[in-house]
Amino acid sequence: KYKLTDGNFANIQTNFGSCILRVKVT
């Protein structure tokens, strides 16, 4: 749905900050 693939990266955002993590689809 959010166009993420296993092993690539994603930006996670909340009202309090953000970070970039490697994606693990499970």
PDB file of all heavy atoms in Angstrom:
ATOM      1  N   LYS A   1       0.821  -1.213   0.000  1.00  0.00           N
ATOM      2  CA  LYS A   1       0.000   0.000   0.000  1.00  0.00           C
ATOM      3  C   LYS A   1       0.854   1.261   0.000  1.00  0.00           C
ATOM      4  O   LYS A   1       0.547   2.240  -0.699  1.00  0.00           O
ATOM      5  CB  LYS A   1      -0.922  -0.011   1.219  1.00  0.00           C
ATOM      6  CG  LYS A   1      -1.816   1.213   1.334  1.00  0.00           C
ATOM      7  CD  LYS A   1      -2.722   1.102   2.560  1.00  0.00           C
ATOM      8  CE  LYS A   1      -3.618   2.325   2.702  1.00  0.00           C
ATOM      9  NZ  LYS A   1      -4.507   2.213   3.898  1.00  0.00           N
ATOM     10  N   TYR A   2       1.961   1.242   0.765  1.00  0.00           N
ATOM     11  CA  TYR A   2       2.810   2.430   0.880  1.00  0.00           C
ATOM     12  C   TYR A   2       4.059   2.345   0.015  1.00  0.00           C
ATOM     13  O   TYR A   2       4.992   3.123   0.206  1.00  0.00           O
ATOM     14  CB  TYR A   2       3.172   2.645   2.353  1.00  0.00           C
ATOM     15  CG  TYR A   2       1.965   2.935   3.205  1.00  0.00           C
ATOM     16  CD1 TYR A   2       1.429   1.946   4.042  1.00  0.00           C
ATOM     17  CD2 TYR A   2       1.323   4.170   3.163  1.00  0.00           C
ATOM     18  CE1 TYR A   2       0.303   2.201   4.816  1.00  0.00           C
ATOM     19  CE2 TYR A   2       0.208   4.428   3.927  1.00  0.00           C
ATOM     20  CZ  TYR A   2      -0.308   3.438   4.746  1.00  0.00           C
ATOM     21  OH  TYR A   2      -1.433   3.688   5.504  1.00  0.00           O
ATOM     22  N   LYS A   3       4.056   1.384  -0.925  1.00  0.00           N
ATOM     23  CA  LYS A   3       5.112   1.266  -1.948  1.00  0.00           C
ATOM     24  C   LYS A   3       6.496   1.036  -1.332  1.00  0.00           C
ATOM     25  O   LYS A   3       7.493   1.642  -1.732  1.00  0.00           O
ATOM     26  CB  LYS A   3       5.121   2.497  -2.857  1.00  0.00           C
ATOM     27  CG  LYS A   3       3.794   2.786  -3.535  1.00  0.00           C
ATOM     28  CD  LYS A   3       3.884   3.933  -4.512  1.00  0.00           C
ATOM     29  CE  LYS A   3       2.521   4.316  -5.084  1.00  0.00           C
ATOM     30  NZ  LYS A   3       1.680   3.207  -5.458  1.00  0.00           N
ATOM     31  N   LEU A   4       6.540   0.163  -0.345  1.00  0.00           N
ATOM     32  CA  LEU A   4       7.791  -0.186   0.312  1.00  0.00           C
ATOM     33  C   LEU A   4       8.211  -1.590  -0.098  1.00  0.00           C
ATOM     34  O   LEU A   4       7.370  -2.467  -0.297  1.00  0.00           O
ATOM     35  CB  LEU A   4       7.639  -0.125   1.829  1.00  0.00           C
ATOM     36  CG  LEU A   4       7.172   1.206   2.413  1.00  0.00           C
ATOM     37  CD1 LEU A   4       6.953   1.062   3.914  1.00  0.00           C
ATOM     38  CD2 LEU A   4       8.182   2.310   2.133  1.00  0.00           C
ATOM     39  N   THR A   5       9.506  -1.800  -0.238  1.00  0.00           N
ATOM     40  CA  THR A   5      10.020  -3.114  -0.598  1.00  0.00           C
ATOM     41  C   THR A   5      11.012  -3.588   0.454  1.00  0.00           C
ATOM     42  O   THR A   5      11.734  -2.790   1.057  1.00  0.00           O
ATOM     43  CB  THR A   5      10.717  -3.081  -1.974  1.00  0.00           C
ATOM     44  OG1 THR A   5      11.728  -2.075  -1.959  1.00  0.00           O
ATOM     45  CG2 THR A   5       9.713  -2.781  -3.072  1.00  0.00           C
ATOM     46  N   ASP A   6      11.035  -4.889   0.648  1.00  0.00           N
ATOM     47  CA  ASP A   6      11.906  -5.485   1.651  1.00  0.00           C
ATOM     48  C   ASP A   6      13.373  -5.179   1.351  1.00  0.00           C
ATOM     49  O   ASP A   6      13.836  -5.350   0.226  1.00  0.00           O
ATOM     50  CB  ASP A   6      11.684  -7.003   1.681  1.00  0.00           C
ATOM     51  CG  ASP A   6      12.404  -7.659   2.838  1.00  0.00           C
ATOM     52  OD1 ASP A   6      11.960  -7.483   3.978  1.00  0.00           O
ATOM     53  OD2 ASP A   6      13.418  -8.338   2.598  1.00  0.00           O
ATOM     54  N   GLY A   7      14.118  -4.707   2.355  1.00  0.00           N
ATOM     55  CA  GLY A   7      15.535  -4.403   2.192  1.00  0.00           C
ATOM     56  C   GLY A   7      15.840  -2.970   1.813  1.00  0.00           C
ATOM     57  O   GLY A   7      16.986  -2.533   1.944  1.00  0.00           O
ATOM     58  N   ASN A   8      14.839  -2.228   1.336  1.00  0.00           N
ATOM     59  CA  ASN A   8      15.052  -0.813   1.033  1.00  0.00           C
ATOM     60  C   ASN A   8      14.764   0.035   2.283  1.00  0.00           C
ATOM     61  O   ASN A   8      14.583  -0.492   3.362  1.00  0.00           O
ATOM     62  CB  ASN A   8      14.185  -0.377  -0.144  1.00  0.00           C
ATOM     63  CG  ASN A   8      14.772  -0.827  -1.470  1.00  0.00           C
ATOM     64  OD1 ASN A   8      15.965  -1.122  -1.566  1.00  0.00           O
ATOM     65  ND2 ASN A   8      13.934  -0.904  -2.488  1.00  0.00           N
ATOM     66  N   PHE A   9      14.700   1.353   2.098  1.00  0.00           N
ATOM     67  CA  PHE A   9      14.573   2.244   3.250  1.00  0.00           C
ATOM     68  C   PHE A   9      13.224   2.955   3.267  1.00  0.00           C
ATOM     69  O   PHE A   9      12.562   3.095   2.231  1.00  0.00           O
ATOM     70  CB  PHE A   9      15.695   3.284   3.246  1.00  0.00           C
ATOM     71  CG  PHE A   9      17.042   2.711   3.541  1.00  0.00           C
ATOM     72  CD1 PHE A   9      17.841   2.232   2.512  1.00  0.00           C
ATOM     73  CD2 PHE A   9      17.516   2.625   4.847  1.00  0.00           C
ATOM     74  CE1 PHE A   9      19.090   1.688   2.777  1.00  0.00           C
ATOM     75  CE2 PHE A   9      18.756   2.091   5.110  1.00  0.00           C
ATOM     76  CZ  PHE A   9      19.547   1.623   4.074  1.00  0.00           C
ATOM     77  N   ALA A  10      12.847   3.408   4.448  1.00  0.00           N
ATOM     78  CA  ALA A  10      11.607   4.160   4.618  1.00  0.00           C
ATOM     79  C   ALA A  10      11.823   5.282   5.616  1.00  0.00           C
ATOM     80  O   ALA A  10      12.598   5.145   6.566  1.00  0.00           O
ATOM     81  CB  ALA A  10      10.484   3.244   5.092  1.00  0.00           C
ATOM     82  N   ASN A  11      11.126   6.375   5.383  1.00  0.00           N
ATOM     83  CA  ASN A  11      11.117   7.490   6.323  1.00  0.00           C
ATOM     84  C   ASN A  11       9.861   7.385   7.187  1.00  0.00           C
ATOM     85  O   ASN A  11       8.751   7.337   6.676  1.00  0.00           O
ATOM     86  CB  ASN A  11      11.119   8.829   5.583  1.00  0.00           C
ATOM     87  CG  ASN A  11      11.122  10.001   6.541  1.00  0.00           C
ATOM     88  OD1 ASN A  11      12.113  10.300   7.194  1.00  0.00           O
ATOM     89  ND2 ASN A  11       9.983  10.691   6.616  1.00  0.00           N
ATOM     90  N   ILE A  12      10.071   7.314   8.499  1.00  0.00           N
ATOM     91  CA  ILE A  12       8.960   7.242   9.443  1.00  0.00           C
ATOM     92  C   ILE A  12       8.792   8.611  10.078  1.00  0.00           C
ATOM     93  O   ILE A  12       9.748   9.184  10.603  1.00  0.00           O
ATOM     94  CB  ILE A  12       9.203   6.182  10.528  1.00  0.00           C
ATOM     95  CG1 ILE A  12       9.435   4.819   9.892  1.00  0.00           C
ATOM     96  CG2 ILE A  12       8.011   6.103  11.475  1.00  0.00           C
ATOM     97  CD1 ILE A  12      10.875   4.496   9.634  1.00  0.00           C
ATOM     98  N   GLN A  13       7.575   9.137  10.047  1.00  0.00           N
ATOM     99  CA  GLN A  13       7.308  10.486  10.538  1.00  0.00           C
ATOM    100  C   GLN A  13       6.168  10.442  11.551  1.00  0.00           C
ATOM    101  O   GLN A  13       5.152   9.784  11.342  1.00  0.00           O
ATOM    102  CB  GLN A  13       6.914  11.395   9.373  1.00  0.00           C
ATOM    103  CG  GLN A  13       6.587  12.831   9.765  1.00  0.00           C
ATOM    104  CD  GLN A  13       7.825  13.690   9.885  1.00  0.00           C
ATOM    105  OE1 GLN A  13       8.750  13.550   9.100  1.00  0.00           O
ATOM    106  NE2 GLN A  13       7.839  14.593  10.849  1.00  0.00           N
ATOM    107  N   THR A  14       6.350  11.143  12.674  1.00  0.00           N
ATOM    108  CA  THR A  14       5.271  11.363  13.628  1.00  0.00           C
ATOM    109  C   THR A  14       5.211  12.853  13.949  1.00  0.00           C
ATOM    110  O   THR A  14       5.996  13.644  13.406  1.00  0.00           O
ATOM    111  CB  THR A  14       5.482  10.569  14.941  1.00  0.00           C
ATOM    112  OG1 THR A  14       6.546  11.190  15.693  1.00  0.00           O
ATOM    113  CG2 THR A  14       5.826   9.119  14.670  1.00  0.00           C
ATOM    114  N   ASN A  15       4.325  13.235  14.827  1.00  0.00           N
ATOM    115  CA  ASN A  15       4.237  14.637  15.246  1.00  0.00           C
ATOM    116  C   ASN A  15       5.461  15.089  16.020  1.00  0.00           C
ATOM    117  O   ASN A  15       5.640  16.292  16.272  1.00  0.00           O
ATOM    118  CB  ASN A  15       2.994  14.859  16.109  1.00  0.00           C
ATOM    119  CG  ASN A  15       1.795  15.304  15.288  1.00  0.00           C
ATOM    120  OD1 ASN A  15       1.951  16.009  14.295  1.00  0.00           O
ATOM    121  ND2 ASN A  15       0.617  14.882  15.697  1.00  0.00           N
ATOM    122  N   PHE A  16       6.327  14.152  16.407  1.00  0.00           N
ATOM    123  CA  PHE A  16       7.423  14.467  17.314  1.00  0.00           C
ATOM    124  C   PHE A  16       8.805  14.295  16.697  1.00  0.00           C
ATOM    125  O   PHE A  16       9.803  14.695  17.290  1.00  0.00           O
ATOM    126  CB  PHE A  16       7.304  13.593  18.565  1.00  0.00           C
ATOM    127  CG  PHE A  16       5.934  13.625  19.159  1.00  0.00           C
ATOM    128  CD1 PHE A  16       5.010  12.638  18.860  1.00  0.00           C
ATOM    129  CD2 PHE A  16       5.544  14.674  19.969  1.00  0.00           C
ATOM    130  CE1 PHE A  16       3.725  12.676  19.383  1.00  0.00           C
ATOM    131  CE2 PHE A  16       4.259  14.728  20.497  1.00  0.00           C
ATOM    132  CZ  PHE A  16       3.343  13.729  20.194  1.00  0.00           C
ATOM    133  N   GLY A  17       8.882  13.709  15.495  1.00  0.00           N
ATOM    134  CA  GLY A  17      10.173  13.530  14.863  1.00  0.00           C
ATOM    135  C   GLY A  17      10.094  12.577  13.698  1.00  0.00           C
ATOM    136  O   GLY A  17       9.017  12.114  13.304  1.00  0.00           O
ATOM    137  N   SER A  18      11.262  12.279  13.123  1.00  0.00           N
ATOM    138  CA  SER A  18      11.324  11.361  11.989  1.00  0.00           C
ATOM    139  C   SER A  18      12.643  10.621  12.013  1.00  0.00           C
ATOM    140  O   SER A  18      13.621  11.055  12.644  1.00  0.00           O
ATOM    141  CB  SER A  18      11.166  12.119  10.666  1.00  0.00           C
ATOM    142  OG  SER A  18      12.273  12.990  10.463  1.00  0.00           O
ATOM    143  N   CYS A  19      12.687   9.493  11.328  1.00  0.00           N
ATOM    144  CA  CYS A  19      13.932   8.752  11.171  1.00  0.00           C
ATOM    145  C   CYS A  19      13.840   7.888   9.912  1.00  0.00           C
ATOM    146  O   CYS A  19      12.763   7.736   9.326  1.00  0.00           O
ATOM    147  CB  CYS A  19      14.246   7.900  12.401  1.00  0.00           C
ATOM    148  SG  CYS A  19      13.114   6.535  12.656  1.00  0.00           S
ATOM    149  N   ILE A  20      14.971   7.345   9.504  1.00  0.00           N
ATOM    150  CA  ILE A  20      15.032   6.506   8.313  1.00  0.00           C
ATOM    151  C   ILE A  20      15.550   5.133   8.708  1.00  0.00           C
ATOM    152  O   ILE A  20      16.621   5.015   9.312  1.00  0.00           O
ATOM    153  CB  ILE A  20      15.937   7.142   7.241  1.00  0.00           C
ATOM    154  CG1 ILE A  20      15.336   8.472   6.778  1.00  0.00           C
ATOM    155  CG2 ILE A  20      16.106   6.189   6.052  1.00  0.00           C
ATOM    156  CD1 ILE A  20      16.207   9.238   5.802  1.00  0.00           C
ATOM    157  N   LEU A  21      14.783   4.098   8.364  1.00  0.00           N
ATOM    158  CA  LEU A  21      15.131   2.737   8.742  1.00  0.00           C
ATOM    159  C   LEU A  21      15.015   1.802   7.547  1.00  0.00           C
ATOM    160  O   LEU A  21      14.272   2.066   6.605  1.00  0.00           O
ATOM    161  CB  LEU A  21      14.196   2.232   9.853  1.00  0.00           C
ATOM    162  CG  LEU A  21      14.148   3.048  11.146  1.00  0.00           C
ATOM    163  CD1 LEU A  21      13.081   2.484  12.077  1.00  0.00           C
ATOM    164  CD2 LEU A  21      15.503   3.066  11.826  1.00  0.00           C
ATOM    165  N   ARG A  22      15.780   0.715   7.615  1.00  0.00           N
ATOM    166  CA  ARG A  22      15.670  -0.304   6.577  1.00  0.00           C
ATOM    167  C   ARG A  22      14.395  -1.111   6.788  1.00  0.00           C
ATOM    168  O   ARG A  22      14.055  -1.484   7.912  1.00  0.00           O
ATOM    169  CB  ARG A  22      16.886  -1.229   6.581  1.00  0.00           C
ATOM    170  CG  ARG A  22      16.946  -2.146   5.353  1.00  0.00           C
ATOM    171  CD  ARG A  22      18.122  -3.081   5.405  1.00  0.00           C
ATOM    172  NE  ARG A  22      19.392  -2.389   5.316  1.00  0.00           N
ATOM    173  CZ  ARG A  22      19.977  -2.015   4.178  1.00  0.00           C
ATOM    174  NH1 ARG A  22      19.346  -2.238   3.020  1.00  0.00           N
ATOM    175  NH2 ARG A  22      21.148  -1.434   4.179  1.00  0.00           N
ATOM    176  N   VAL A  23      13.712  -1.412   5.690  1.00  0.00           N
ATOM    177  CA  VAL A  23      12.411  -2.072   5.744  1.00  0.00           C
ATOM    178  C   VAL A  23      12.572  -3.591   5.815  1.00  0.00           C
ATOM    179  O   VAL A  23      13.349  -4.185   5.068  1.00  0.00           O
ATOM    180  CB  VAL A  23      11.565  -1.698   4.515  1.00  0.00           C
ATOM    181  CG1 VAL A  23      10.250  -2.478   4.500  1.00  0.00           C
ATOM    182  CG2 VAL A  23      11.296  -0.198   4.491  1.00  0.00           C
ATOM    183  N   LYS A  24      11.817  -4.189   6.715  1.00  0.00           N
ATOM    184  CA  LYS A  24      11.704  -5.644   6.788  1.00  0.00           C
ATOM    185  C   LYS A  24      10.233  -6.001   6.664  1.00  0.00           C
ATOM    186  O   LYS A  24       9.439  -5.750   7.562  1.00  0.00           O
ATOM    187  CB  LYS A  24      12.262  -6.167   8.116  1.00  0.00           C
ATOM    188  CG  LYS A  24      12.171  -7.679   8.255  1.00  0.00           C
ATOM    189  CD  LYS A  24      12.749  -8.157   9.583  1.00  0.00           C
ATOM    190  CE  LYS A  24      12.665  -9.669   9.713  1.00  0.00           C
ATOM    191  NZ  LYS A  24      13.229 -10.142  11.009  1.00  0.00           N
ATOM    192  N   VAL A  25       9.865  -6.577   5.529  1.00  0.00           N
ATOM    193  CA  VAL A  25       8.478  -6.961   5.288  1.00  0.00           C
ATOM    194  C   VAL A  25       8.253  -8.352   5.877  1.00  0.00           C
ATOM    195  O   VAL A  25       8.953  -9.301   5.534  1.00  0.00           O
ATOM    196  CB  VAL A  25       8.164  -6.965   3.782  1.00  0.00           C
ATOM    197  CG1 VAL A  25       6.716  -7.386   3.545  1.00  0.00           C
ATOM    198  CG2 VAL A  25       8.421  -5.586   3.181  1.00  0.00           C
ATOM    199  N   THR A  26       7.284  -8.465   6.781  1.00  0.00           N
ATOM    200  CA  THR A  26       7.047  -9.732   7.458  1.00  0.00           C
ATOM    201  C   THR A  26       5.568  -9.898   7.809  1.00  0.00           C
ATOM    202  O   THR A  26       4.945  -8.960   8.312  1.00  0.00           O
ATOM    203  CB  THR A  26       7.892  -9.844   8.736  1.00  0.00           C
ATOM    204  OG1 THR A  26       7.482 -10.995   9.485  1.00  0.00           O
ATOM    205  CG2 THR A  26       7.754  -8.615   9.607  1.00  0.00           C
TER     206      THR A  26
END
